[in-house]
Amino acid sequence: MTQPLLDSASTESADTPAAVAERSGSTFYWPMLLLPRSKRAAMFAIYAFCRRIDDIADEPGAPADKRAALDEWRREIRSLYGGGAPTSSLAAALKGAIERYGLPRGELEALIDGMAMDIPGDSGVGMQAPALPTLRLYCRRVAGAVGMLAIRVFDRADASTEAFALALGEALQLTNILRDLAEDAQLGRLYLPRELLDEAGIGTSDPDAVLAHPNLPIACEALADLAEARFAEARRAVDCSRRGSLWAAVAMMVLYHRVLVRLRARGWRDLNGRVRVGKRECAWVAMRCALGYPPAL
């Protein structure tokens, strides 16, 4: 029998998937909120799972302990697919989403693999100026996997929709990287790829040194160009198919593209000011997309 999804309106715990999504203030929240109840609950479960494993990678602690915690989640996911009973409310919500929408186990494990890339290795250094193929693999795991899960919830798992999900996932993650440069540097991370730093004449991989380098805007603009190209690819892919049930993903595309545009307009000198889309604007874009009239990118 299909496991019932957790009620997104539940107030029993501040740690329900819906509460996690609401508390995050994420740009994703309004598009998810306007989905039908079962789809909304599934997307909240996916989002809360992402937040949980991301916190494991980000919060203070020994790298070995972090890897062990991610491995516990990997075992939990495999258990859920093997018919095991969930051990937490989040796992129960995931089990319901898995059974109702046929979520691929490989994509949930890809998310774990992506978060593991953020954990420092034996050298004690985490993600710093990765090669571009490594960065794209990271984006595929931490963002493309979310897209591949979401299109199942949206009942659209055909080839063109998968192409849309992967292109959009990379575009969103590259935008996140550009938005969070200062925040990531505080964690000892730098996601700007080595190739773009070299082209900008930045020879160091030290996050603080890179952010203080006078040629930083050159590298950031080059990465923004890559993000823009992936947004364009996603837009072409979704235009080749019926948007219909993909409206929530289209809303995310519109909202994140606005973040990218505002980042470029702000420039790359003062990275402390947070660039975001306000709640009213998020709600307006989500409503327009739900009604079939998405704003232009």
C-alpha atoms as a PDB file:
ATOM      1  CA  MET A   1       0.000   0.000   0.000  1.00  0.00           C
ATOM      2  CA  THR A   2       1.253   3.500  -0.779  1.00  0.00           C
ATOM      3  CA  GLN A   3       2.714   5.243   2.253  1.00  0.00           C
ATOM      4  CA  PRO A   4       0.648   8.383   2.985  1.00  0.00           C
ATOM      5  CA  LEU A   5       2.552  11.610   2.487  1.00  0.00           C
ATOM      6  CA  LEU A   6       2.965  13.899   5.467  1.00  0.00           C
ATOM      7  CA  ASP A   7       0.350  16.641   5.613  1.00  0.00           C
ATOM      8  CA  SER A   8       2.075  19.847   4.564  1.00  0.00           C
ATOM      9  CA  ALA A   9      -0.258  21.809   6.851  1.00  0.00           C
ATOM     10  CA  SER A  10       0.819  19.867   9.942  1.00  0.00           C
ATOM     11  CA  THR A  11       1.967  21.934  12.892  1.00  0.00           C
ATOM     12  CA  GLU A  12       2.975  18.975  15.055  1.00  0.00           C
ATOM     13  CA  SER A  13       6.676  19.686  14.657  1.00  0.00           C
ATOM     14  CA  ALA A  14       8.884  22.539  13.581  1.00  0.00           C
ATOM     15  CA  ASP A  15      10.924  19.933  11.710  1.00  0.00           C
ATOM     16  CA  THR A  16       8.224  18.740   9.321  1.00  0.00           C
ATOM     17  CA  PRO A  17       9.294  19.037   5.661  1.00  0.00           C
ATOM     18  CA  ALA A  18       6.794  21.875   5.144  1.00  0.00           C
ATOM     19  CA  ALA A  19       8.167  23.777   8.138  1.00  0.00           C
ATOM     20  CA  VAL A  20      11.736  23.305   6.911  1.00  0.00           C
ATOM     21  CA  ALA A  21      10.797  24.701   3.496  1.00  0.00           C
ATOM     22  CA  GLU A  22       8.915  27.672   4.956  1.00  0.00           C
ATOM     23  CA  ARG A  23      11.653  28.514   7.443  1.00  0.00           C
ATOM     24  CA  SER A  24      14.346  28.459   4.769  1.00  0.00           C
ATOM     25  CA  GLY A  25      12.969  31.465   2.907  1.00  0.00           C
ATOM     26  CA  SER A  26      13.973  29.718  -0.304  1.00  0.00           C
ATOM     27  CA  THR A  27      12.973  31.078  -3.698  1.00  0.00           C
ATOM     28  CA  PHE A  28      11.544  27.596  -4.289  1.00  0.00           C
ATOM     29  CA  TYR A  29       8.974  27.924  -1.508  1.00  0.00           C
ATOM     30  CA  TRP A  30       6.157  29.721  -3.337  1.00  0.00           C
ATOM     31  CA  PRO A  31       6.160  27.520  -6.456  1.00  0.00           C
ATOM     32  CA  MET A  32       6.081  24.457  -4.181  1.00  0.00           C
ATOM     33  CA  LEU A  33       3.374  25.922  -1.956  1.00  0.00           C
ATOM     34  CA  LEU A  34       0.932  26.337  -4.848  1.00  0.00           C
ATOM     35  CA  LEU A  35       1.187  22.727  -6.006  1.00  0.00           C
ATOM     36  CA  PRO A  36      -1.654  20.243  -5.344  1.00  0.00           C
ATOM     37  CA  ARG A  37      -1.446  18.770  -1.857  1.00  0.00           C
ATOM     38  CA  SER A  38       0.237  15.424  -2.633  1.00  0.00           C
ATOM     39  CA  LYS A  39       2.763  16.984  -5.022  1.00  0.00           C
ATOM     40  CA  ARG A  40       3.434  19.771  -2.541  1.00  0.00           C
ATOM     41  CA  ALA A  41       4.133  17.250   0.214  1.00  0.00           C
ATOM     42  CA  ALA A  42       6.480  15.285  -2.055  1.00  0.00           C
ATOM     43  CA  MET A  43       8.421  18.401  -3.069  1.00  0.00           C
ATOM     44  CA  PHE A  44       8.659  19.556   0.543  1.00  0.00           C
ATOM     45  CA  ALA A  45      10.043  16.110   1.444  1.00  0.00           C
ATOM     46  CA  ILE A  46      12.670  16.317  -1.305  1.00  0.00           C
ATOM     47  CA  TYR A  47      13.602  19.852  -0.273  1.00  0.00           C
ATOM     48  CA  ALA A  48      13.852  18.932   3.428  1.00  0.00           C
ATOM     49  CA  PHE A  49      16.040  15.950   2.558  1.00  0.00           C
ATOM     50  CA  CYS A  50      18.350  18.261   0.589  1.00  0.00           C
ATOM     51  CA  ARG A  51      18.513  20.668   3.522  1.00  0.00           C
ATOM     52  CA  ARG A  52      19.240  17.866   5.988  1.00  0.00           C
ATOM     53  CA  ILE A  53      22.186  16.411   4.089  1.00  0.00           C
ATOM     54  CA  ASP A  54      23.454  19.891   3.145  1.00  0.00           C
ATOM     55  CA  ASP A  55      23.531  20.785   6.845  1.00  0.00           C
ATOM     56  CA  ILE A  56      25.619  17.670   7.498  1.00  0.00           C
ATOM     57  CA  ALA A  57      28.236  18.908   5.027  1.00  0.00           C
ATOM     58  CA  ASP A  58      28.107  22.554   6.185  1.00  0.00           C
ATOM     59  CA  GLU A  59      27.933  22.406   9.964  1.00  0.00           C
ATOM     60  CA  PRO A  60      31.076  22.170  12.137  1.00  0.00           C
ATOM     61  CA  GLY A  61      32.413  18.685  12.740  1.00  0.00           C
ATOM     62  CA  ALA A  62      35.101  16.199  11.833  1.00  0.00           C
ATOM     63  CA  PRO A  63      35.081  15.161   8.153  1.00  0.00           C
ATOM     64  CA  ALA A  64      34.928  11.492   9.147  1.00  0.00           C
ATOM     65  CA  ASP A  65      31.823  12.141  11.244  1.00  0.00           C
ATOM     66  CA  LYS A  66      30.187  13.983   8.359  1.00  0.00           C
ATOM     67  CA  ARG A  67      30.885  11.131   5.949  1.00  0.00           C
ATOM     68  CA  ALA A  68      29.487   8.687   8.477  1.00  0.00           C
ATOM     69  CA  ALA A  69      26.305  10.755   8.807  1.00  0.00           C
ATOM     70  CA  LEU A  70      25.869  10.844   5.027  1.00  0.00           C
ATOM     71  CA  ASP A  71      26.441   7.091   4.911  1.00  0.00           C
ATOM     72  CA  GLU A  72      23.661   6.663   7.459  1.00  0.00           C
ATOM     73  CA  TRP A  73      21.315   8.492   5.087  1.00  0.00           C
ATOM     74  CA  ARG A  74      22.526   6.350   2.197  1.00  0.00           C
ATOM     75  CA  ARG A  75      21.643   3.227   4.187  1.00  0.00           C
ATOM     76  CA  GLU A  76      18.265   4.763   5.103  1.00  0.00           C
ATOM     77  CA  ILE A  77      17.466   5.449   1.439  1.00  0.00           C
ATOM     78  CA  ARG A  78      18.434   1.927   0.402  1.00  0.00           C
ATOM     79  CA  SER A  79      16.335   0.538   3.230  1.00  0.00           C
ATOM     80  CA  LEU A  80      13.294   2.511   2.082  1.00  0.00           C
ATOM     81  CA  TYR A  81      13.618   1.041  -1.410  1.00  0.00           C
ATOM     82  CA  GLY A  82      14.067  -2.403   0.096  1.00  0.00           C
ATOM     83  CA  GLY A  83      10.803  -2.202   2.009  1.00  0.00           C
ATOM     84  CA  GLY A  84      12.287  -1.106   5.325  1.00  0.00           C
ATOM     85  CA  ALA A  85      10.418   1.023   7.815  1.00  0.00           C
ATOM     86  CA  PRO A  86      11.425   4.712   7.949  1.00  0.00           C
ATOM     87  CA  THR A  87      13.297   5.769  11.068  1.00  0.00           C
ATOM     88  CA  SER A  88      12.244   9.436  11.108  1.00  0.00           C
ATOM     89  CA  SER A  89       9.415  11.691   9.991  1.00  0.00           C
ATOM     90  CA  LEU A  90      11.550  12.932   7.102  1.00  0.00           C
ATOM     91  CA  ALA A  91      12.269   9.379   5.976  1.00  0.00           C
ATOM     92  CA  ALA A  92       8.537   8.624   6.211  1.00  0.00           C
ATOM     93  CA  ALA A  93       7.773  11.620   3.974  1.00  0.00           C
ATOM     94  CA  LEU A  94      10.403  10.488   1.494  1.00  0.00           C
ATOM     95  CA  LYS A  95       8.999   6.968   1.481  1.00  0.00           C
ATOM     96  CA  GLY A  96       5.574   8.327   0.627  1.00  0.00           C
ATOM     97  CA  ALA A  97       6.997  10.409  -2.221  1.00  0.00           C
ATOM     98  CA  ILE A  98       9.043   7.464  -3.498  1.00  0.00           C
ATOM     99  CA  GLU A  99       6.051   5.145  -3.593  1.00  0.00           C
ATOM    100  CA  ARG A 100       3.584   7.650  -4.977  1.00  0.00           C
ATOM    101  CA  TYR A 101       5.794   9.116  -7.710  1.00  0.00           C
ATOM    102  CA  GLY A 102       8.372   6.414  -8.446  1.00  0.00           C
ATOM    103  CA  LEU A 103      11.371   8.534  -7.507  1.00  0.00           C
ATOM    104  CA  PRO A 104      14.634   6.938  -8.724  1.00  0.00           C
ATOM    105  CA  ARG A 105      16.912   5.792  -5.912  1.00  0.00           C
ATOM    106  CA  GLY A 106      19.966   6.782  -7.936  1.00  0.00           C
ATOM    107  CA  GLU A 107      18.971  10.443  -7.896  1.00  0.00           C
ATOM    108  CA  LEU A 108      18.566  10.521  -4.111  1.00  0.00           C
ATOM    109  CA  GLU A 109      21.964   8.862  -3.752  1.00  0.00           C
ATOM    110  CA  ALA A 110      23.427  11.351  -6.256  1.00  0.00           C
ATOM    111  CA  LEU A 111      22.375  14.128  -3.879  1.00  0.00           C
ATOM    112  CA  ILE A 112      24.323  12.437  -1.087  1.00  0.00           C
ATOM    113  CA  ASP A 113      27.333  12.017  -3.392  1.00  0.00           C
ATOM    114  CA  GLY A 114      27.188  15.716  -4.224  1.00  0.00           C
ATOM    115  CA  MET A 115      27.105  16.796  -0.592  1.00  0.00           C
ATOM    116  CA  ALA A 116      30.061  14.495   0.082  1.00  0.00           C
ATOM    117  CA  MET A 117      32.074  16.514  -2.449  1.00  0.00           C
ATOM    118  CA  ASP A 118      31.845  19.474  -0.054  1.00  0.00           C
ATOM    119  CA  ILE A 119      33.527  17.574   2.788  1.00  0.00           C
ATOM    120  CA  PRO A 120      37.302  18.162   3.061  1.00  0.00           C
ATOM    121  CA  GLY A 121      39.512  15.245   2.104  1.00  0.00           C
ATOM    122  CA  ASP A 122      42.707  14.025   3.727  1.00  0.00           C
ATOM    123  CA  SER A 123      44.423  17.284   2.773  1.00  0.00           C
ATOM    124  CA  GLY A 124      41.930  19.185   4.903  1.00  0.00           C
ATOM    125  CA  VAL A 125      40.871  21.270   1.896  1.00  0.00           C
ATOM    126  CA  GLY A 126      37.321  21.158   0.583  1.00  0.00           C
ATOM    127  CA  MET A 127      36.001  22.334  -2.755  1.00  0.00           C
ATOM    128  CA  GLN A 128      38.373  25.034  -3.990  1.00  0.00           C
ATOM    129  CA  ALA A 129      38.632  26.095  -7.637  1.00  0.00           C
ATOM    130  CA  PRO A 130      37.563  22.738  -9.078  1.00  0.00           C
ATOM    131  CA  ALA A 131      38.170  21.877 -12.705  1.00  0.00           C
ATOM    132  CA  LEU A 132      35.136  22.722 -14.818  1.00  0.00           C
ATOM    133  CA  PRO A 133      34.177  19.041 -15.392  1.00  0.00           C
ATOM    134  CA  THR A 134      34.270  18.498 -11.610  1.00  0.00           C
ATOM    135  CA  LEU A 135      32.074  21.546 -11.068  1.00  0.00           C
ATOM    136  CA  ARG A 136      29.583  20.290 -13.635  1.00  0.00           C
ATOM    137  CA  LEU A 137      29.517  16.886 -11.952  1.00  0.00           C
ATOM    138  CA  TYR A 138      28.843  18.647  -8.653  1.00  0.00           C
ATOM    139  CA  CYS A 139      25.987  20.619 -10.237  1.00  0.00           C
ATOM    140  CA  ARG A 140      24.561  17.435 -11.744  1.00  0.00           C
ATOM    141  CA  ARG A 141      24.511  15.775  -8.349  1.00  0.00           C
ATOM    142  CA  VAL A 142      23.276  18.535  -6.068  1.00  0.00           C
ATOM    143  CA  ALA A 143      20.916  20.293  -8.489  1.00  0.00           C
ATOM    144  CA  GLY A 144      20.334  18.120 -11.547  1.00  0.00           C
ATOM    145  CA  ALA A 145      19.241  15.283  -9.272  1.00  0.00           C
ATOM    146  CA  VAL A 146      16.603  17.546  -7.707  1.00  0.00           C
ATOM    147  CA  GLY A 147      15.283  18.330 -11.173  1.00  0.00           C
ATOM    148  CA  MET A 148      15.168  14.660 -12.116  1.00  0.00           C
ATOM    149  CA  LEU A 149      13.173  13.942  -8.961  1.00  0.00           C
ATOM    150  CA  ALA A 150      10.884  16.934  -9.406  1.00  0.00           C
ATOM    151  CA  ILE A 151       9.805  16.038 -12.941  1.00  0.00           C
ATOM    152  CA  ARG A 152       8.546  12.703 -11.612  1.00  0.00           C
ATOM    153  CA  VAL A 153       6.439  14.578  -9.079  1.00  0.00           C
ATOM    154  CA  PHE A 154       5.213  16.752 -11.949  1.00  0.00           C
ATOM    155  CA  ASP A 155       4.381  13.548 -13.928  1.00  0.00           C
ATOM    156  CA  ARG A 156       6.725  14.483 -16.753  1.00  0.00           C
ATOM    157  CA  ALA A 157       9.705  12.132 -17.147  1.00  0.00           C
ATOM    158  CA  ASP A 158      10.160  12.167 -20.943  1.00  0.00           C
ATOM    159  CA  ALA A 159      13.468  12.891 -22.712  1.00  0.00           C
ATOM    160  CA  SER A 160      12.843  16.577 -23.422  1.00  0.00           C
ATOM    161  CA  THR A 161      11.741  17.179 -19.836  1.00  0.00           C
ATOM    162  CA  GLU A 162      14.861  15.463 -18.505  1.00  0.00           C
ATOM    163  CA  ALA A 163      16.976  17.738 -20.715  1.00  0.00           C
ATOM    164  CA  PHE A 164      15.085  20.704 -19.275  1.00  0.00           C
ATOM    165  CA  ALA A 165      15.610  19.485 -15.707  1.00  0.00           C
ATOM    166  CA  LEU A 166      19.357  18.985 -16.121  1.00  0.00           C
ATOM    167  CA  ALA A 167      19.950  22.304 -17.893  1.00  0.00           C
ATOM    168  CA  LEU A 168      17.855  24.191 -15.358  1.00  0.00           C
ATOM    169  CA  GLY A 169      19.515  22.428 -12.427  1.00  0.00           C
ATOM    170  CA  GLU A 170      22.952  23.541 -13.582  1.00  0.00           C
ATOM    171  CA  ALA A 171      21.736  27.079 -14.242  1.00  0.00           C
ATOM    172  CA  LEU A 172      20.257  27.328 -10.748  1.00  0.00           C
ATOM    173  CA  GLN A 173      23.368  25.954  -9.073  1.00  0.00           C
ATOM    174  CA  LEU A 174      25.726  28.259 -10.967  1.00  0.00           C
ATOM    175  CA  THR A 175      23.510  31.159  -9.915  1.00  0.00           C
ATOM    176  CA  ASN A 176      23.681  29.978  -6.307  1.00  0.00           C
ATOM    177  CA  ILE A 177      27.471  29.835  -6.549  1.00  0.00           C
ATOM    178  CA  LEU A 178      27.646  33.424  -7.763  1.00  0.00           C
ATOM    179  CA  ARG A 179      25.178  34.594  -5.106  1.00  0.00           C
ATOM    180  CA  ASP A 180      26.974  32.831  -2.232  1.00  0.00           C
ATOM    181  CA  LEU A 181      30.633  33.621  -2.979  1.00  0.00           C
ATOM    182  CA  ALA A 182      31.258  35.355   0.357  1.00  0.00           C
ATOM    183  CA  GLU A 183      29.252  32.843   2.389  1.00  0.00           C
ATOM    184  CA  ASP A 184      31.073  29.906   0.800  1.00  0.00           C
ATOM    185  CA  ALA A 185      34.458  31.528   1.381  1.00  0.00           C
ATOM    186  CA  GLN A 186      33.700  31.579   5.106  1.00  0.00           C
ATOM    187  CA  LEU A 187      33.412  27.787   4.886  1.00  0.00           C
ATOM    188  CA  GLY A 188      36.716  27.570   3.023  1.00  0.00           C
ATOM    189  CA  ARG A 189      35.024  26.880  -0.303  1.00  0.00           C
ATOM    190  CA  LEU A 190      35.434  28.380  -3.739  1.00  0.00           C
ATOM    191  CA  TYR A 191      33.357  26.972  -6.588  1.00  0.00           C
ATOM    192  CA  LEU A 192      34.675  29.256  -9.346  1.00  0.00           C
ATOM    193  CA  PRO A 193      36.334  26.798 -11.743  1.00  0.00           C
ATOM    194  CA  ARG A 194      40.086  26.731 -12.233  1.00  0.00           C
ATOM    195  CA  GLU A 195      39.791  27.349 -15.966  1.00  0.00           C
ATOM    196  CA  LEU A 196      37.888  30.612 -15.517  1.00  0.00           C
ATOM    197  CA  LEU A 197      40.268  31.804 -12.809  1.00  0.00           C
ATOM    198  CA  ASP A 198      43.244  31.106 -15.065  1.00  0.00           C
ATOM    199  CA  GLU A 199      41.608  32.996 -17.936  1.00  0.00           C
ATOM    200  CA  ALA A 200      41.100  35.934 -15.559  1.00  0.00           C
ATOM    201  CA  GLY A 201      44.739  35.838 -14.462  1.00  0.00           C
ATOM    202  CA  ILE A 202      43.961  34.643 -10.940  1.00  0.00           C
ATOM    203  CA  GLY A 203      46.584  32.075  -9.991  1.00  0.00           C
ATOM    204  CA  THR A 204      45.484  31.301  -6.429  1.00  0.00           C
ATOM    205  CA  SER A 205      42.757  28.961  -5.200  1.00  0.00           C
ATOM    206  CA  ASP A 206      42.505  30.487  -1.724  1.00  0.00           C
ATOM    207  CA  PRO A 207      38.908  31.708  -1.355  1.00  0.00           C
ATOM    208  CA  ASP A 208      39.716  34.946   0.460  1.00  0.00           C
ATOM    209  CA  ALA A 209      42.539  35.816  -1.922  1.00  0.00           C
ATOM    210  CA  VAL A 210      40.361  35.154  -4.959  1.00  0.00           C
ATOM    211  CA  LEU A 211      37.513  37.303  -3.641  1.00  0.00           C
ATOM    212  CA  ALA A 212      39.959  40.146  -2.991  1.00  0.00           C
ATOM    213  CA  HIS A 213      41.614  39.861  -6.420  1.00  0.00           C
ATOM    214  CA  PRO A 214      41.010  42.815  -8.767  1.00  0.00           C
ATOM    215  CA  ASN A 215      40.198  40.419 -11.629  1.00  0.00           C
ATOM    216  CA  LEU A 216      37.434  38.622  -9.746  1.00  0.00           C
ATOM    217  CA  PRO A 217      34.678  40.304 -11.841  1.00  0.00           C
ATOM    218  CA  ILE A 218      36.160  38.757 -15.012  1.00  0.00           C
ATOM    219  CA  ALA A 219      35.840  35.221 -13.615  1.00  0.00           C
ATOM    220  CA  CYS A 220      32.363  35.906 -12.210  1.00  0.00           C
ATOM    221  CA  GLU A 221      31.095  37.298 -15.502  1.00  0.00           C
ATOM    222  CA  ALA A 222      32.443  34.236 -17.318  1.00  0.00           C
ATOM    223  CA  LEU A 223      30.583  31.929 -14.938  1.00  0.00           C
ATOM    224  CA  ALA A 224      27.460  34.079 -15.284  1.00  0.00           C
ATOM    225  CA  ASP A 225      27.727  33.591 -19.052  1.00  0.00           C
ATOM    226  CA  LEU A 226      27.752  29.820 -18.513  1.00  0.00           C
ATOM    227  CA  ALA A 227      24.691  30.105 -16.277  1.00  0.00           C
ATOM    228  CA  GLU A 228      22.916  32.246 -18.867  1.00  0.00           C
ATOM    229  CA  ALA A 229      23.655  29.670 -21.554  1.00  0.00           C
ATOM    230  CA  ARG A 230      22.154  26.912 -19.412  1.00  0.00           C
ATOM    231  CA  PHE A 231      19.056  29.023 -18.738  1.00  0.00           C
ATOM    232  CA  ALA A 232      18.685  29.461 -22.489  1.00  0.00           C
ATOM    233  CA  GLU A 233      19.077  25.722 -23.015  1.00  0.00           C
ATOM    234  CA  ALA A 234      16.431  25.012 -20.384  1.00  0.00           C
ATOM    235  CA  ARG A 235      14.086  27.521 -21.986  1.00  0.00           C
ATOM    236  CA  ARG A 236      14.498  25.888 -25.405  1.00  0.00           C
ATOM    237  CA  ALA A 237      13.890  22.432 -23.939  1.00  0.00           C
ATOM    238  CA  VAL A 238      10.689  23.442 -22.162  1.00  0.00           C
ATOM    239  CA  ASP A 239       9.431  25.331 -25.221  1.00  0.00           C
ATOM    240  CA  CYS A 240       9.689  22.091 -27.194  1.00  0.00           C
ATOM    241  CA  SER A 241       7.160  20.403 -24.925  1.00  0.00           C
ATOM    242  CA  ARG A 242       3.914  21.252 -23.196  1.00  0.00           C
ATOM    243  CA  ARG A 243       4.647  23.403 -20.154  1.00  0.00           C
ATOM    244  CA  GLY A 244       1.440  22.421 -18.355  1.00  0.00           C
ATOM    245  CA  SER A 245       2.419  20.494 -15.254  1.00  0.00           C
ATOM    246  CA  LEU A 246       5.949  21.942 -15.375  1.00  0.00           C
ATOM    247  CA  TRP A 247       4.705  25.389 -14.359  1.00  0.00           C
ATOM    248  CA  ALA A 248       6.393  25.208 -10.920  1.00  0.00           C
ATOM    249  CA  ALA A 249       9.759  24.464 -12.531  1.00  0.00           C
ATOM    250  CA  VAL A 250       9.184  27.294 -15.004  1.00  0.00           C
ATOM    251  CA  ALA A 251       8.513  29.614 -12.044  1.00  0.00           C
ATOM    252  CA  MET A 252      11.815  28.567 -10.484  1.00  0.00           C
ATOM    253  CA  MET A 253      13.542  29.274 -13.796  1.00  0.00           C
ATOM    254  CA  VAL A 254      12.040  32.774 -14.000  1.00  0.00           C
ATOM    255  CA  LEU A 255      12.837  33.618 -10.380  1.00  0.00           C
ATOM    256  CA  TYR A 256      16.421  32.392 -10.433  1.00  0.00           C
ATOM    257  CA  HIS A 257      17.098  34.099 -13.733  1.00  0.00           C
ATOM    258  CA  ARG A 258      16.029  37.347 -12.052  1.00  0.00           C
ATOM    259  CA  VAL A 259      18.578  36.665  -9.317  1.00  0.00           C
ATOM    260  CA  LEU A 260      21.288  36.199 -11.943  1.00  0.00           C
ATOM    261  CA  VAL A 261      20.316  39.429 -13.716  1.00  0.00           C
ATOM    262  CA  ARG A 262      20.424  41.344 -10.423  1.00  0.00           C
ATOM    263  CA  LEU A 263      23.774  39.853  -9.471  1.00  0.00           C
ATOM    264  CA  ARG A 264      25.259  41.061 -12.741  1.00  0.00           C
ATOM    265  CA  ALA A 265      23.712  44.479 -12.308  1.00  0.00           C
ATOM    266  CA  ARG A 266      25.118  44.766  -8.767  1.00  0.00           C
ATOM    267  CA  GLY A 267      28.609  43.759  -9.872  1.00  0.00           C
ATOM    268  CA  TRP A 268      31.268  41.679  -8.131  1.00  0.00           C
ATOM    269  CA  ARG A 269      33.085  44.171  -5.918  1.00  0.00           C
ATOM    270  CA  ASP A 270      30.843  44.291  -2.843  1.00  0.00           C
ATOM    271  CA  LEU A 271      29.756  40.713  -2.198  1.00  0.00           C
ATOM    272  CA  ASN A 272      28.215  41.268   1.224  1.00  0.00           C
ATOM    273  CA  GLY A 273      24.873  42.636   0.053  1.00  0.00           C
ATOM    274  CA  ARG A 274      22.395  39.785  -0.367  1.00  0.00           C
ATOM    275  CA  VAL A 275      20.643  39.634  -3.730  1.00  0.00           C
ATOM    276  CA  ARG A 276      17.250  37.993  -3.560  1.00  0.00           C
ATOM    277  CA  VAL A 277      13.716  38.043  -4.904  1.00  0.00           C
ATOM    278  CA  GLY A 278      11.123  39.199  -2.366  1.00  0.00           C
ATOM    279  CA  LYS A 279       8.181  37.127  -1.158  1.00  0.00           C
ATOM    280  CA  ARG A 280       5.588  39.184  -3.033  1.00  0.00           C
ATOM    281  CA  GLU A 281       7.499  38.906  -6.271  1.00  0.00           C
ATOM    282  CA  CYS A 282       7.946  35.158  -5.759  1.00  0.00           C
ATOM    283  CA  ALA A 283       4.226  34.752  -5.137  1.00  0.00           C
ATOM    284  CA  TRP A 284       3.325  36.882  -8.183  1.00  0.00           C
ATOM    285  CA  VAL A 285       5.621  34.904 -10.500  1.00  0.00           C
ATOM    286  CA  ALA A 286       4.363  31.590  -9.110  1.00  0.00           C
ATOM    287  CA  MET A 287       0.750  32.619  -9.622  1.00  0.00           C
ATOM    288  CA  ARG A 288       1.403  33.784 -13.187  1.00  0.00           C
ATOM    289  CA  CYS A 289       3.099  30.495 -14.013  1.00  0.00           C
ATOM    290  CA  ALA A 290       0.359  28.430 -12.359  1.00  0.00           C
ATOM    291  CA  LEU A 291      -2.228  30.243 -14.499  1.00  0.00           C
ATOM    292  CA  GLY A 292      -0.247  29.565 -17.659  1.00  0.00           C
ATOM    293  CA  TYR A 293       1.097  33.090 -18.198  1.00  0.00           C
ATOM    294  CA  PRO A 294       4.729  33.006 -17.073  1.00  0.00           C
ATOM    295  CA  PRO A 295       6.678  36.265 -17.191  1.00  0.00           C
ATOM    296  CA  ALA A 296       9.373  36.380 -19.853  1.00  0.00           C
ATOM    297  CA  LEU A 297      12.951  35.728 -18.848  1.00  0.00           C
END
